[in-house]
Each structure stands twice: as structure tokens, then as C-alpha cells.
N, C-alpha and C. Protein backbone atom coordinates (compact mmCIF):
# COMPACT_ATOMS: atom_id res chain seq x y z
N MET A 1 -24.37 -28.54 -7.15
CA MET A 1 -25.31 -28.25 -6.35
C MET A 1 -26.13 -29.74 -7.25
N THR A 2 -25.77 -30.71 -7.48
CA THR A 2 -26.16 -31.90 -7.94
C THR A 2 -25.86 -33.50 -7.07
N GLY A 3 -25.23 -32.72 -6.70
CA GLY A 3 -24.33 -34.30 -5.80
C GLY A 3 -23.70 -35.25 -7.14
N LEU A 4 -23.76 -35.07 -7.81
CA LEU A 4 -22.92 -35.71 -9.18
C LEU A 4 -21.23 -36.00 -9.15
N ARG A 5 -21.23 -36.85 -9.15
CA ARG A 5 -19.55 -37.18 -9.83
C ARG A 5 -18.99 -36.25 -10.42
N ALA A 6 -17.87 -36.02 -10.68
CA ALA A 6 -17.58 -34.67 -11.48
C ALA A 6 -17.60 -35.20 -13.20
N SER A 7 -17.17 -36.57 -13.48
CA SER A 7 -17.26 -36.74 -14.94
C SER A 7 -18.93 -36.76 -15.03
N GLU A 8 -20.03 -37.31 -14.32
CA GLU A 8 -21.00 -36.89 -14.33
C GLU A 8 -21.67 -35.65 -14.64
N ALA A 9 -21.61 -34.69 -13.61
CA ALA A 9 -21.32 -33.27 -13.85
C ALA A 9 -21.14 -32.63 -14.93
N ILE A 10 -20.08 -32.93 -15.58
CA ILE A 10 -19.42 -32.73 -16.76
C ILE A 10 -20.57 -33.16 -18.11
N GLU A 11 -20.44 -34.30 -18.22
CA GLU A 11 -21.83 -35.02 -19.27
C GLU A 11 -23.17 -34.27 -19.15
N SER A 12 -23.41 -33.97 -17.78
CA SER A 12 -24.78 -33.05 -17.59
C SER A 12 -24.56 -32.25 -18.06
N ILE A 13 -23.35 -31.28 -18.00
CA ILE A 13 -23.73 -29.57 -19.14
C ILE A 13 -23.54 -29.94 -20.79
N ARG A 14 -22.62 -30.51 -20.48
CA ARG A 14 -22.55 -31.33 -22.50
C ARG A 14 -24.19 -31.59 -22.69
N GLN A 15 -25.12 -32.49 -21.94
CA GLN A 15 -26.44 -32.82 -22.31
C GLN A 15 -27.21 -31.60 -22.48
N LEU A 16 -27.34 -30.49 -21.52
CA LEU A 16 -27.77 -29.42 -21.56
C LEU A 16 -27.82 -28.69 -22.32
N ASN A 17 -26.47 -28.76 -23.07
CA ASN A 17 -25.84 -27.96 -24.03
C ASN A 17 -25.66 -27.92 -25.00
N ILE A 18 -25.87 -29.56 -25.67
CA ILE A 18 -25.56 -29.85 -27.03
C ILE A 18 -27.09 -29.50 -28.39
N GLY A 19 -28.12 -29.33 -27.48
CA GLY A 19 -28.88 -28.98 -28.89
C GLY A 19 -30.50 -29.16 -27.56
N ALA A 20 -31.38 -28.35 -28.64
CA ALA A 20 -32.48 -27.97 -28.07
C ALA A 20 -33.37 -29.86 -27.67
N ASP A 21 -33.55 -30.42 -28.74
CA ASP A 21 -34.03 -32.30 -28.60
C ASP A 21 -33.54 -32.49 -27.32
N THR A 22 -32.24 -32.50 -27.31
CA THR A 22 -31.81 -33.28 -26.23
C THR A 22 -32.24 -32.45 -24.65
N HIS A 23 -31.92 -31.32 -24.70
CA HIS A 23 -32.35 -30.87 -23.69
C HIS A 23 -33.84 -30.89 -23.03
N ARG A 24 -34.68 -30.98 -23.97
CA ARG A 24 -35.94 -31.08 -23.56
C ARG A 24 -35.99 -32.40 -23.28
N SER A 25 -35.56 -33.33 -23.78
CA SER A 25 -35.86 -34.83 -23.41
C SER A 25 -35.30 -34.92 -21.66
N TYR A 26 -34.09 -34.09 -21.71
CA TYR A 26 -32.74 -34.50 -20.61
C TYR A 26 -33.39 -34.04 -19.35
N TYR A 27 -33.92 -32.57 -19.45
CA TYR A 27 -34.94 -31.51 -18.58
C TYR A 27 -36.17 -31.37 -18.77
N ASN A 28 -36.40 -31.84 -17.34
CA ASN A 28 -38.14 -31.81 -16.85
C ASN A 28 -38.71 -30.62 -16.03
N PRO A 29 -38.74 -29.55 -16.80
CA PRO A 29 -39.06 -28.32 -15.84
C PRO A 29 -40.52 -28.74 -14.86
N GLU A 30 -41.25 -28.90 -15.69
CA GLU A 30 -42.33 -29.26 -14.33
C GLU A 30 -42.17 -30.39 -13.51
N GLN A 31 -41.45 -31.58 -13.61
CA GLN A 31 -40.86 -32.34 -12.28
C GLN A 31 -39.91 -31.98 -11.72
N LYS A 32 -38.75 -31.07 -11.86
CA LYS A 32 -38.20 -30.25 -11.69
C LYS A 32 -36.87 -31.23 -11.67
N VAL A 33 -36.80 -31.93 -12.39
CA VAL A 33 -35.78 -33.35 -12.50
C VAL A 33 -34.51 -33.40 -13.88
N LEU A 34 -33.13 -33.41 -13.53
CA LEU A 34 -32.98 -33.97 -15.06
C LEU A 34 -32.51 -35.77 -15.06
N GLN A 35 -33.19 -36.11 -16.31
CA GLN A 35 -33.68 -37.63 -16.36
C GLN A 35 -32.30 -38.10 -17.15
N HIS A 36 -31.55 -38.45 -16.32
CA HIS A 36 -30.26 -38.81 -16.55
C HIS A 36 -30.72 -40.95 -17.01
N TYR A 37 -31.67 -40.96 -16.53
CA TYR A 37 -32.06 -42.58 -17.12
C TYR A 37 -32.36 -42.47 -18.49
N ARG A 38 -32.70 -41.50 -19.19
CA ARG A 38 -32.57 -41.34 -20.49
C ARG A 38 -31.38 -41.73 -21.43
N PHE A 39 -30.17 -41.56 -20.86
CA PHE A 39 -29.22 -41.46 -21.32
C PHE A 39 -28.05 -42.69 -20.64
N PRO A 40 -28.84 -44.00 -20.32
CA PRO A 40 -27.97 -44.84 -19.19
C PRO A 40 -26.76 -45.34 -20.21
N ASP A 41 -26.22 -45.29 -21.31
CA ASP A 41 -24.72 -45.87 -21.57
C ASP A 41 -24.17 -44.81 -21.10
N THR A 42 -24.60 -43.44 -20.20
CA THR A 42 -24.04 -42.46 -19.64
C THR A 42 -23.46 -42.45 -18.05
N PHE A 43 -24.71 -42.45 -17.51
CA PHE A 43 -25.32 -42.32 -16.09
C PHE A 43 -25.31 -43.86 -15.79
N ILE A 44 -25.77 -44.88 -16.08
CA ILE A 44 -26.08 -46.17 -15.73
C ILE A 44 -25.29 -46.93 -15.74
N ARG A 45 -24.46 -47.33 -14.48
CA ARG A 45 -23.39 -48.35 -14.95
C ARG A 45 -23.53 -49.87 -13.82
N ARG A 46 -22.84 -50.38 -13.39
CA ARG A 46 -23.56 -51.56 -13.03
C ARG A 46 -23.13 -51.10 -11.31
N THR A 47 -22.41 -50.52 -10.99
CA THR A 47 -22.01 -50.02 -9.33
C THR A 47 -22.96 -49.13 -9.11
N LYS A 48 -22.39 -48.14 -9.74
CA LYS A 48 -22.82 -46.76 -9.65
C LYS A 48 -24.09 -46.21 -10.77
N ALA A 49 -25.72 -46.14 -10.70
CA ALA A 49 -26.42 -45.83 -11.44
C ALA A 49 -27.24 -44.54 -11.17
N VAL A 50 -26.76 -43.25 -11.44
CA VAL A 50 -27.60 -42.17 -10.98
C VAL A 50 -29.16 -41.74 -11.88
N TYR A 51 -30.19 -41.90 -12.00
CA TYR A 51 -31.26 -41.93 -12.96
C TYR A 51 -31.86 -40.23 -12.73
N ILE A 52 -32.04 -39.76 -11.83
CA ILE A 52 -32.27 -38.12 -11.51
C ILE A 52 -31.50 -37.27 -11.18
N SER A 53 -31.25 -36.10 -11.24
CA SER A 53 -31.02 -35.12 -10.43
C SER A 53 -31.92 -33.91 -9.74
N VAL A 54 -32.15 -33.61 -9.00
CA VAL A 54 -33.36 -32.55 -8.36
C VAL A 54 -32.73 -31.40 -8.83
N VAL A 55 -33.36 -30.37 -10.05
CA VAL A 55 -32.90 -29.33 -9.79
C VAL A 55 -33.54 -28.07 -10.21
N ASP A 56 -33.24 -26.97 -10.38
CA ASP A 56 -34.07 -26.20 -10.47
C ASP A 56 -33.72 -25.01 -11.54
N LYS A 57 -34.24 -23.81 -12.21
CA LYS A 57 -34.37 -22.96 -13.36
C LYS A 57 -32.67 -22.29 -12.47
N ASP A 58 -32.23 -22.01 -11.94
CA ASP A 58 -31.12 -20.89 -11.46
C ASP A 58 -29.66 -22.06 -11.40
N ILE A 59 -30.31 -23.91 -11.16
CA ILE A 59 -28.45 -24.37 -11.55
C ILE A 59 -28.78 -24.75 -12.53
N ILE A 60 -30.22 -24.77 -13.79
CA ILE A 60 -30.06 -25.15 -15.38
C ILE A 60 -29.03 -23.93 -15.99
N GLY A 61 -29.41 -22.87 -15.13
CA GLY A 61 -28.80 -21.44 -16.20
C GLY A 61 -27.28 -21.55 -15.79
N ILE A 62 -26.81 -21.77 -14.12
CA ILE A 62 -25.25 -22.05 -13.94
C ILE A 62 -24.63 -23.23 -14.94
N ALA A 63 -25.14 -24.47 -15.45
CA ALA A 63 -24.94 -25.44 -16.43
C ALA A 63 -24.66 -24.68 -18.13
N GLN A 64 -25.87 -23.83 -18.26
CA GLN A 64 -26.10 -23.33 -19.70
C GLN A 64 -25.06 -21.91 -19.74
N SER A 65 -24.88 -21.46 -18.38
CA SER A 65 -24.19 -20.20 -19.13
C SER A 65 -22.76 -20.82 -19.59
N ILE A 66 -22.68 -21.95 -19.13
CA ILE A 66 -20.84 -22.58 -19.75
C ILE A 66 -20.57 -22.57 -21.27
N GLU A 67 -20.21 -21.71 -21.69
CA GLU A 67 -20.08 -22.33 -22.95
C GLU A 67 -19.76 -23.24 -23.67
N LYS A 68 -18.06 -23.53 -22.80
CA LYS A 68 -17.78 -24.88 -24.10
C LYS A 68 -17.56 -25.82 -23.15
N THR A 69 -17.87 -26.95 -22.97
CA THR A 69 -18.51 -28.20 -21.99
C THR A 69 -16.32 -27.99 -21.44
N PRO A 70 -16.63 -28.06 -20.00
CA PRO A 70 -15.25 -28.49 -19.50
C PRO A 70 -14.85 -30.28 -19.22
N THR A 71 -13.02 -30.26 -19.62
CA THR A 71 -13.02 -31.77 -19.03
C THR A 71 -12.90 -31.54 -17.63
N LEU A 72 -12.55 -33.12 -17.80
CA LEU A 72 -12.14 -33.11 -16.09
C LEU A 72 -10.90 -32.45 -15.26
N ASN A 73 -9.79 -33.06 -16.83
CA ASN A 73 -8.91 -32.02 -16.09
C ASN A 73 -9.30 -30.84 -15.75
N ALA A 74 -9.60 -29.96 -16.58
CA ALA A 74 -9.87 -28.48 -16.59
C ALA A 74 -10.43 -28.34 -15.71
N LEU A 75 -11.54 -29.02 -15.24
CA LEU A 75 -12.22 -28.87 -13.80
C LEU A 75 -11.48 -29.23 -11.90
N LYS A 76 -10.38 -29.47 -12.78
CA LYS A 76 -9.22 -30.22 -11.31
C LYS A 76 -8.70 -28.85 -11.71
N MET A 77 -8.10 -28.17 -12.67
CA MET A 77 -7.18 -27.15 -12.71
C MET A 77 -7.48 -26.16 -12.12
N VAL A 78 -8.66 -25.55 -12.64
CA VAL A 78 -8.67 -23.88 -12.27
C VAL A 78 -8.91 -23.75 -11.02
N PRO A 79 -8.96 -24.39 -9.74
CA PRO A 79 -9.27 -24.30 -8.96
C PRO A 79 -7.92 -23.60 -8.52
N ARG A 80 -6.59 -24.62 -9.18
CA ARG A 80 -5.42 -24.89 -8.86
C ARG A 80 -4.69 -23.18 -9.31
N HIS A 81 -5.31 -22.97 -10.73
CA HIS A 81 -4.56 -21.70 -11.33
C HIS A 81 -5.34 -20.88 -10.37
N ARG A 82 -5.94 -20.75 -9.75
CA ARG A 82 -6.03 -19.48 -8.96
C ARG A 82 -5.55 -19.85 -7.87
N CYS A 83 -4.69 -20.49 -7.24
CA CYS A 83 -4.56 -20.91 -5.85
C CYS A 83 -5.31 -20.99 -5.01
N LEU A 84 -6.09 -21.75 -5.24
CA LEU A 84 -6.99 -22.22 -4.04
C LEU A 84 -6.86 -24.03 -3.94
N SER A 85 -6.89 -24.38 -2.83
CA SER A 85 -6.75 -25.78 -2.41
C SER A 85 -8.32 -26.52 -2.70
N MET A 86 -8.62 -27.26 -3.23
CA MET A 86 -9.98 -27.74 -3.71
C MET A 86 -10.02 -29.25 -4.57
N LYS A 87 -11.12 -29.70 -4.13
CA LYS A 87 -10.62 -31.61 -3.92
C LYS A 87 -12.13 -31.43 -4.52
N ILE A 88 -12.32 -31.47 -5.73
CA ILE A 88 -14.06 -32.16 -6.47
C ILE A 88 -14.74 -32.91 -5.46
N LYS A 89 -14.07 -34.12 -5.10
CA LYS A 89 -15.28 -34.98 -4.37
C LYS A 89 -15.68 -34.72 -3.31
N TYR A 90 -15.13 -33.24 -2.51
CA TYR A 90 -16.05 -32.57 -1.75
C TYR A 90 -17.20 -32.09 -2.23
N CYS A 91 -17.37 -31.59 -3.10
CA CYS A 91 -18.68 -31.13 -3.93
C CYS A 91 -19.83 -32.08 -3.02
N ARG A 92 -19.44 -33.50 -3.63
CA ARG A 92 -20.52 -34.53 -3.11
C ARG A 92 -20.68 -34.48 -1.34
N LYS A 93 -19.29 -34.27 -0.93
CA LYS A 93 -19.48 -34.83 0.32
C LYS A 93 -20.49 -33.42 1.25
N ILE A 94 -20.30 -32.07 0.72
CA ILE A 94 -20.84 -31.52 1.73
C ILE A 94 -22.50 -31.35 0.95
N TYR A 95 -22.36 -31.67 -0.34
CA TYR A 95 -23.70 -31.79 -1.01
C TYR A 95 -24.77 -32.56 -0.16
N ALA A 96 -24.31 -33.81 0.22
CA ALA A 96 -25.22 -34.66 0.94
C ALA A 96 -24.87 -34.59 2.24
N SER A 97 -23.61 -33.76 2.58
CA SER A 97 -24.21 -33.80 4.26
C SER A 97 -24.86 -32.45 4.70
N TYR A 98 -25.23 -31.70 3.85
CA TYR A 98 -25.91 -30.80 3.85
C TYR A 98 -27.37 -31.23 3.68
N LEU A 99 -27.69 -31.83 2.96
CA LEU A 99 -29.30 -32.20 2.30
C LEU A 99 -29.21 -33.28 3.36
N HIS A 100 -28.55 -33.80 4.21
CA HIS A 100 -29.08 -34.77 5.39
C HIS A 100 -29.29 -33.58 6.45
N ASN A 101 -28.53 -32.80 7.11
CA ASN A 101 -28.96 -32.17 7.85
C ASN A 101 -30.00 -31.32 7.75
N CYS A 102 -30.78 -31.15 6.53
CA CYS A 102 -31.82 -30.16 6.45
C CYS A 102 -32.68 -31.16 6.50
N GLY A 103 -32.59 -32.55 6.96
CA GLY A 103 -33.75 -33.02 7.32
C GLY A 103 -34.32 -34.74 6.14
N ILE A 104 -33.34 -34.61 5.20
CA ILE A 104 -33.11 -35.27 3.87
C ILE A 104 -33.00 -36.47 3.96
N SER A 105 -33.65 -37.83 3.75
CA SER A 105 -33.11 -39.11 4.69
C SER A 105 -31.76 -39.81 3.90
N SER A 106 -31.20 -40.19 4.63
CA SER A 106 -30.07 -41.25 3.86
C SER A 106 -30.15 -41.55 2.76
N ASP A 107 -31.07 -42.62 2.55
CA ASP A 107 -31.61 -43.48 1.69
C ASP A 107 -31.80 -42.23 0.54
N LEU A 108 -31.97 -41.43 0.77
CA LEU A 108 -32.85 -40.53 -0.80
C LEU A 108 -31.68 -39.47 -1.13
N VAL A 109 -31.06 -39.87 -0.46
CA VAL A 109 -29.87 -38.56 -0.49
C VAL A 109 -28.71 -39.77 -1.37
N ASP A 110 -28.44 -41.16 -0.62
CA ASP A 110 -27.82 -42.43 -1.52
C ASP A 110 -28.73 -42.39 -3.29
N MET A 111 -29.62 -42.10 -3.08
CA MET A 111 -30.12 -42.23 -4.36
C MET A 111 -30.05 -41.48 -5.67
N LEU A 112 -30.23 -40.23 -4.77
CA LEU A 112 -30.07 -38.82 -5.45
C LEU A 112 -28.52 -39.16 -5.79
N GLN A 113 -27.27 -39.28 -5.14
CA GLN A 113 -26.35 -39.48 -5.68
C GLN A 113 -25.80 -40.76 -6.79
N GLY A 114 -26.38 -41.78 -6.93
CA GLY A 114 -26.15 -42.88 -7.31
C GLY A 114 -25.53 -44.06 -6.84
N ARG A 115 -25.33 -44.18 -5.58
CA ARG A 115 -25.36 -44.73 -4.26
C ARG A 115 -26.46 -46.10 -4.59
N ILE A 116 -26.59 -46.78 -5.51
CA ILE A 116 -27.47 -47.46 -5.61
C ILE A 116 -26.75 -49.08 -5.04
N GLY A 117 -26.89 -49.34 -3.60
CA GLY A 117 -26.53 -50.44 -3.05
C GLY A 117 -26.74 -51.65 -3.11
N LYS A 118 -26.08 -52.83 -2.39
CA LYS A 118 -27.66 -54.51 -2.34
C LYS A 118 -28.48 -54.14 -1.87
N ASN A 119 -28.80 -52.94 -1.01
CA ASN A 119 -29.88 -53.27 -0.15
C ASN A 119 -31.16 -53.51 -0.63
N ILE A 120 -32.00 -54.57 -0.41
CA ILE A 120 -33.40 -54.44 -1.30
C ILE A 120 -34.26 -53.70 -0.96
N PHE A 121 -34.20 -52.90 -0.09
CA PHE A 121 -34.97 -52.57 0.48
C PHE A 121 -35.21 -50.63 -0.94
N LEU A 122 -33.81 -50.21 -0.52
CA LEU A 122 -32.92 -49.55 -1.60
C LEU A 122 -33.12 -49.79 -3.36
N LYS A 123 -33.43 -50.78 -3.53
CA LYS A 123 -33.36 -51.05 -4.66
C LYS A 123 -35.04 -50.96 -5.17
N HIS A 124 -35.82 -51.40 -4.88
CA HIS A 124 -36.83 -51.69 -4.92
C HIS A 124 -38.03 -51.38 -4.04
N TYR A 125 -38.08 -50.82 -2.79
CA TYR A 125 -38.93 -50.18 -1.87
C TYR A 125 -39.18 -49.03 -1.77
N LEU A 126 -37.78 -48.61 -1.85
CA LEU A 126 -37.87 -47.02 -1.96
C LEU A 126 -38.86 -46.02 -2.20
N THR A 127 -39.88 -45.33 -1.98
CA THR A 127 -40.84 -44.54 -2.60
C THR A 127 -40.85 -42.83 -1.51
N PRO A 128 -40.14 -42.18 -2.38
CA PRO A 128 -39.63 -40.83 -1.32
C PRO A 128 -41.29 -40.55 -1.48
N THR A 129 -41.47 -39.86 -0.28
CA THR A 129 -42.76 -38.77 0.14
C THR A 129 -43.25 -37.90 -1.30
N GLY A 130 -43.96 -37.48 -1.38
CA GLY A 130 -44.51 -36.50 -2.71
C GLY A 130 -43.31 -35.16 -3.05
N ASP A 131 -42.90 -34.87 -1.52
CA ASP A 131 -42.61 -33.11 -1.57
C ASP A 131 -41.61 -33.48 -0.98
N TYR A 132 -40.71 -34.62 -1.32
CA TYR A 132 -38.98 -34.80 -1.14
C TYR A 132 -38.50 -33.36 -2.51
N LYS A 133 -38.81 -33.89 -3.70
CA LYS A 133 -38.31 -32.53 -4.67
C LYS A 133 -38.65 -31.08 -3.79
N ASP A 134 -39.65 -30.46 -3.03
CA ASP A 134 -39.89 -29.49 -2.70
C ASP A 134 -38.95 -29.37 -1.52
N ARG A 135 -38.53 -30.42 -0.41
CA ARG A 135 -37.50 -30.35 0.42
C ARG A 135 -36.33 -30.38 0.15
N VAL A 136 -35.68 -30.84 -1.04
CA VAL A 136 -34.04 -30.87 -1.59
C VAL A 136 -34.06 -29.73 -2.25
N LEU A 137 -34.47 -28.80 -2.81
CA LEU A 137 -34.81 -28.22 -4.14
C LEU A 137 -34.76 -26.85 -2.43
N ASP A 138 -35.56 -26.47 -1.62
CA ASP A 138 -35.22 -25.57 -0.64
C ASP A 138 -33.85 -26.15 0.30
N ALA A 139 -33.44 -27.13 0.69
CA ALA A 139 -32.00 -27.54 1.06
C ALA A 139 -31.01 -26.75 -0.38
N LEU A 140 -31.05 -26.67 -1.25
CA LEU A 140 -30.35 -26.43 -2.11
C LEU A 140 -30.18 -24.85 -2.05
N LYS A 141 -31.56 -24.24 -2.28
CA LYS A 141 -31.23 -22.80 -2.36
C LYS A 141 -30.59 -22.00 -1.01
N LYS A 142 -30.21 -23.13 -0.03
CA LYS A 142 -30.04 -22.29 1.66
C LYS A 142 -28.58 -22.54 1.30
N LEU A 143 -28.17 -23.84 0.70
CA LEU A 143 -26.57 -23.86 0.52
C LEU A 143 -26.24 -22.98 -0.89
N LYS A 144 -27.07 -23.30 -1.60
CA LYS A 144 -26.07 -22.05 -2.66
C LYS A 144 -25.90 -20.36 -2.26
N HIS A 145 -27.06 -20.06 -1.14
CA HIS A 145 -27.55 -18.97 -0.47
C HIS A 145 -25.95 -18.63 0.90
N GLU A 146 -25.78 -20.11 0.98
CA GLU A 146 -24.59 -19.89 1.65
C GLU A 146 -23.55 -19.87 1.14
N ILE A 147 -22.97 -20.63 0.29
CA ILE A 147 -22.15 -20.37 -0.81
C ILE A 147 -22.05 -18.91 -1.53
N ASP A 148 -22.72 -18.53 -1.86
CA ASP A 148 -22.99 -17.08 -2.12
C ASP A 148 -22.30 -15.76 -1.44
N SER A 149 -23.04 -16.26 -0.10
CA SER A 149 -22.14 -15.14 1.06
C SER A 149 -21.03 -15.14 1.33
């Protein structure tokens, strides 16, 4: 529900569950964002830099309900043990496709997923409209509803 790569999602869960001080500096409930930029060693790399993820309390609740932070291997094996055919990378694809189908611009989806390319516009000039968080959260609520049904 965040569009993060599997390793980044695992690290997000770890950051949210590590302790109250880290949680407060990582999740900003007023802005409804996970502030990945506060942990540059983990989330900001030369070609893959994810700065924020738009989330609501429901998504945070899912992450906090996980008692033990999973490993990447465990994340891949759980569906296999349940006889489900699933590739984790498709979660990012579904997230991006769904947001795009809900009218979120491709540039904004790229930014939220940490695909900061060599495009000068995207790196330096993209300024999303003020309601982008609400539009993203509305789309995510619809997606969650479709997944749950």
C-alpha cells in the first residue's frame, strides 16, 4: 500500500516498530507521510531515492500489527507455503497502475516509488498540487477496498 520496494517496505516496518522516538520522527500524522528522507543511509541511494510515502492510520496500523519484522526471504516464502503464486514486485506494479488509473500523474507516481530519473523537471521542478496527498489516499482506500473484497 506504499509502492515501496520489498526491502524498503521491510525497513519501513522496522522503523515504525523500533521505538516511540523513531516512530515520531519517521511518521508525520499531520502530513500523513512516512519521512524516508530522515534515514538517508537506508532509503536514499544513487539511483533509487524514495523520500516520502503517503499513508494513513490504517496503513500504519497494518505495519504496527506485525510483531516481528519480516526478512525479505520470509516475505517471499509465506505465499509459497500457502500454495499461492505471487511475486512481490507485482505489488509495486499494482500500486503504480492503480494510482495512474485514478488520475495521479506518472511523474508523481514515479516520485512516490523512488524512481528519480535524470529528468531535470522531475528532479528539480516537480511541485505537486496541494491536494495530491488526499487524491493518493482516496485512491489507496479504493484499492484496499478492492483487495479486501
